[in-house]
Amino acid sequence: MELLEKKRGTITDEELCKALQGSKNDLNVRALNKTLMKLEINGLIRVFDLTKNKRRIELVKK
């Protein structure tokens, strides 16, 4: 969430994965997708498909 706030509330999944891999060595795409799904269900973020393999993640403003 802090990373999204620093990036003005929007980031691509590729950028997010790269940033998180720097801080955690055990991060994989499956774990990232699971976490993104939980955050989206809880209304904290929105995930949009940009292309077949690229997504945009937005922080929900309250």
C-alpha atoms as a PDB file:
ATOM      1  CA  MET A   1       0.000   0.000   0.000  1.00  0.00           C
ATOM      2  CA  GLU A   2       2.861   2.376   0.800  1.00  0.00           C
ATOM      3  CA  LEU A   3       4.424   1.713  -2.583  1.00  0.00           C
ATOM      4  CA  LEU A   4       1.148   2.586  -4.316  1.00  0.00           C
ATOM      5  CA  GLU A   5       0.911   5.826  -2.352  1.00  0.00           C
ATOM      6  CA  LYS A   6       4.474   6.753  -3.352  1.00  0.00           C
ATOM      7  CA  LYS A   7       3.639   6.081  -7.022  1.00  0.00           C
ATOM      8  CA  ARG A   8       0.617   8.445  -6.911  1.00  0.00           C
ATOM      9  CA  GLY A   9      -1.816   5.579  -6.477  1.00  0.00           C
ATOM     10  CA  THR A  10      -1.094   3.608  -9.640  1.00  0.00           C
ATOM     11  CA  ILE A  11       1.496   1.015 -10.653  1.00  0.00           C
ATOM     12  CA  THR A  12       1.795  -1.882 -13.091  1.00  0.00           C
ATOM     13  CA  ASP A  13       2.027  -5.444 -11.849  1.00  0.00           C
ATOM     14  CA  GLU A  14       5.527  -5.733 -13.346  1.00  0.00           C
ATOM     15  CA  GLU A  15       6.773  -2.675 -11.436  1.00  0.00           C
ATOM     16  CA  LEU A  16       5.165  -3.932  -8.235  1.00  0.00           C
ATOM     17  CA  CYS A  17       6.685  -7.390  -8.584  1.00  0.00           C
ATOM     18  CA  LYS A  18      10.167  -5.961  -9.205  1.00  0.00           C
ATOM     19  CA  ALA A  19       9.906  -3.617  -6.232  1.00  0.00           C
ATOM     20  CA  LEU A  20       8.714  -6.369  -3.913  1.00  0.00           C
ATOM     21  CA  GLN A  21      11.320  -8.879  -5.075  1.00  0.00           C
ATOM     22  CA  GLY A  22      13.982  -6.457  -3.891  1.00  0.00           C
ATOM     23  CA  SER A  23      12.620  -6.657  -0.356  1.00  0.00           C
ATOM     24  CA  LYS A  24      11.491 -10.311  -0.300  1.00  0.00           C
ATOM     25  CA  ASN A  25      13.371 -13.147  -1.948  1.00  0.00           C
ATOM     26  CA  ASP A  26      10.527 -15.674  -1.667  1.00  0.00           C
ATOM     27  CA  LEU A  27       7.919 -13.643  -3.601  1.00  0.00           C
ATOM     28  CA  ASN A  28       6.342 -15.379  -6.577  1.00  0.00           C
ATOM     29  CA  VAL A  29       3.614 -14.422  -9.037  1.00  0.00           C
ATOM     30  CA  ARG A  30       1.070 -16.744  -7.445  1.00  0.00           C
ATOM     31  CA  ALA A  31       1.510 -15.166  -4.004  1.00  0.00           C
ATOM     32  CA  LEU A  32       1.324 -11.684  -5.510  1.00  0.00           C
ATOM     33  CA  ASN A  33      -1.913 -12.505  -7.365  1.00  0.00           C
ATOM     34  CA  LYS A  34      -3.453 -13.963  -4.208  1.00  0.00           C
ATOM     35  CA  THR A  35      -2.598 -10.847  -2.212  1.00  0.00           C
ATOM     36  CA  LEU A  36      -3.872  -8.519  -4.950  1.00  0.00           C
ATOM     37  CA  MET A  37      -7.151 -10.452  -5.052  1.00  0.00           C
ATOM     38  CA  LYS A  38      -7.616 -10.074  -1.288  1.00  0.00           C
ATOM     39  CA  LEU A  39      -6.914  -6.337  -1.457  1.00  0.00           C
ATOM     40  CA  GLU A  40      -9.346  -5.925  -4.360  1.00  0.00           C
ATOM     41  CA  ILE A  41     -12.099  -7.872  -2.591  1.00  0.00           C
ATOM     42  CA  ASN A  42     -11.636  -5.671   0.484  1.00  0.00           C
ATOM     43  CA  GLY A  43     -12.036  -2.570  -1.686  1.00  0.00           C
ATOM     44  CA  LEU A  44      -8.527  -1.215  -1.137  1.00  0.00           C
ATOM     45  CA  ILE A  45      -7.321  -1.469  -4.754  1.00  0.00           C
ATOM     46  CA  ARG A  46      -8.647  -1.949  -8.278  1.00  0.00           C
ATOM     47  CA  VAL A  47      -6.896  -4.072 -10.900  1.00  0.00           C
ATOM     48  CA  PHE A  48      -7.316  -3.383 -14.624  1.00  0.00           C
ATOM     49  CA  ASP A  49      -6.005  -5.391 -17.566  1.00  0.00           C
ATOM     50  CA  LEU A  50      -3.821  -3.309 -19.865  1.00  0.00           C
ATOM     51  CA  THR A  51      -2.765  -6.129 -22.170  1.00  0.00           C
ATOM     52  CA  LYS A  52      -2.921  -9.899 -22.002  1.00  0.00           C
ATOM     53  CA  ASN A  53       0.025 -10.097 -19.595  1.00  0.00           C
ATOM     54  CA  LYS A  54       0.071  -6.646 -18.018  1.00  0.00           C
ATOM     55  CA  ARG A  55      -2.173  -5.117 -15.364  1.00  0.00           C
ATOM     56  CA  ARG A  56      -2.556  -1.707 -13.765  1.00  0.00           C
ATOM     57  CA  ILE A  57      -3.146  -1.570 -10.027  1.00  0.00           C
ATOM     58  CA  GLU A  58      -4.824   1.515  -8.571  1.00  0.00           C
ATOM     59  CA  LEU A  59      -5.249   2.564  -4.990  1.00  0.00           C
ATOM     60  CA  VAL A  60      -8.913   3.275  -4.176  1.00  0.00           C
ATOM     61  CA  LYS A  61      -9.345   6.822  -2.884  1.00  0.00           C
ATOM     62  CA  LYS A  62     -11.708   7.259   0.022  1.00  0.00           C
END
